[in-house]
Amino acid sequence: MIYKVFYQPTTKNNPRRENTRSLYVEAASEVIARSTVEEQTNYNIEYLEELSPKALEYEQQSPDFKITEFNNNEEA
């Protein structure tokens, strides 16, 4: 599934709507998506939204659409 993650770039300041940014991440569940972003960044996550096929299609029309990939530090 693809999740849209709304976040503030830092946890040091009080959240302001004007500073909210978003990224897209692919994960098996919302819990995994949240934990991956929390472990790999210092972002203050506000909200995660699972994108339906129609919502994903809409988001992909944006020239800024890009799925963010994080390093997987788990050992196999």
Protein backbone atom coordinates (compact mmCIF):
# COMPACT_ATOMS: atom_id res chain seq x y z
CA MET A 1 0.00 0.00 0.00
CA ILE A 2 1.01 3.59 -0.56
CA TYR A 3 0.63 6.01 2.35
CA LYS A 4 0.70 9.79 2.28
CA VAL A 5 2.49 11.03 5.39
CA PHE A 6 1.77 14.57 6.59
CA TYR A 7 4.55 15.88 8.82
CA GLN A 8 6.31 18.86 10.32
CA PRO A 9 10.02 19.01 9.43
CA THR A 10 11.12 19.21 13.06
CA THR A 11 9.87 18.19 16.48
CA LYS A 12 11.54 21.19 18.14
CA ASN A 13 8.93 23.78 17.12
CA ASN A 14 5.22 23.87 17.72
CA PRO A 15 3.34 22.50 14.70
CA ARG A 16 1.99 25.13 12.28
CA ARG A 17 -0.29 24.33 9.40
CA GLU A 18 1.85 26.47 7.10
CA ASN A 19 4.84 24.19 7.74
CA THR A 20 3.06 20.91 7.03
CA ARG A 21 4.71 18.88 4.30
CA SER A 22 3.97 15.47 2.85
CA LEU A 23 5.75 12.47 1.46
CA TYR A 24 4.67 9.13 0.07
CA VAL A 25 5.88 5.81 1.38
CA GLU A 26 5.15 2.22 0.40
CA ALA A 27 4.59 -0.19 3.30
CA ALA A 28 2.62 -3.29 4.21
CA SER A 29 0.67 -1.47 6.93
CA GLU A 30 0.14 1.93 8.52
CA VAL A 31 2.11 0.82 11.58
CA ILE A 32 5.12 -0.13 9.46
CA ALA A 33 4.88 3.12 7.47
CA ARG A 34 4.79 5.21 10.66
CA SER A 35 7.63 3.34 12.36
CA THR A 36 9.82 3.53 9.25
CA VAL A 37 9.43 7.30 8.95
CA GLU A 38 9.92 7.79 12.71
CA GLU A 39 13.09 5.67 12.76
CA GLN A 40 14.64 7.22 9.65
CA THR A 41 13.82 10.92 10.20
CA ASN A 42 13.33 13.58 12.87
CA TYR A 43 9.93 14.50 11.45
CA ASN A 44 6.91 15.16 13.63
CA ILE A 45 4.28 12.98 11.96
CA GLU A 46 0.83 14.53 12.02
CA TYR A 47 -1.23 12.06 10.01
CA LEU A 48 -0.94 9.04 7.73
CA GLU A 49 -3.44 8.42 4.98
CA GLU A 50 -3.71 5.15 3.07
CA LEU A 51 -4.31 6.09 -0.55
CA SER A 52 -7.10 4.34 -2.40
CA PRO A 53 -6.41 3.43 -6.03
CA LYS A 54 -8.30 6.53 -7.23
CA ALA A 55 -6.53 8.81 -4.73
CA LEU A 56 -3.16 7.36 -5.76
CA GLU A 57 -4.00 7.94 -9.42
CA TYR A 58 -4.84 11.56 -8.61
CA GLU A 59 -1.65 12.10 -6.57
CA GLN A 60 0.48 10.59 -9.36
CA GLN A 61 -0.65 13.39 -11.68
CA SER A 62 1.36 15.87 -9.61
CA PRO A 63 4.85 16.55 -11.01
CA ASP A 64 6.16 16.40 -7.42
CA PHE A 65 4.87 12.87 -6.80
CA LYS A 66 7.67 10.57 -5.68
CA ILE A 67 7.66 7.58 -3.36
CA THR A 68 10.26 8.10 -0.65
CA GLU A 69 12.48 5.10 -0.07
CA PHE A 70 14.25 4.59 3.24
CA ASN A 71 17.23 2.42 4.03
CA ASN A 72 16.21 -0.84 5.60
CA ASN A 73 18.66 -1.49 8.43
CA GLU A 74 17.17 -4.86 9.36
CA GLU A 75 19.54 -7.78 8.98
CA ALA A 76 18.24 -10.81 7.14
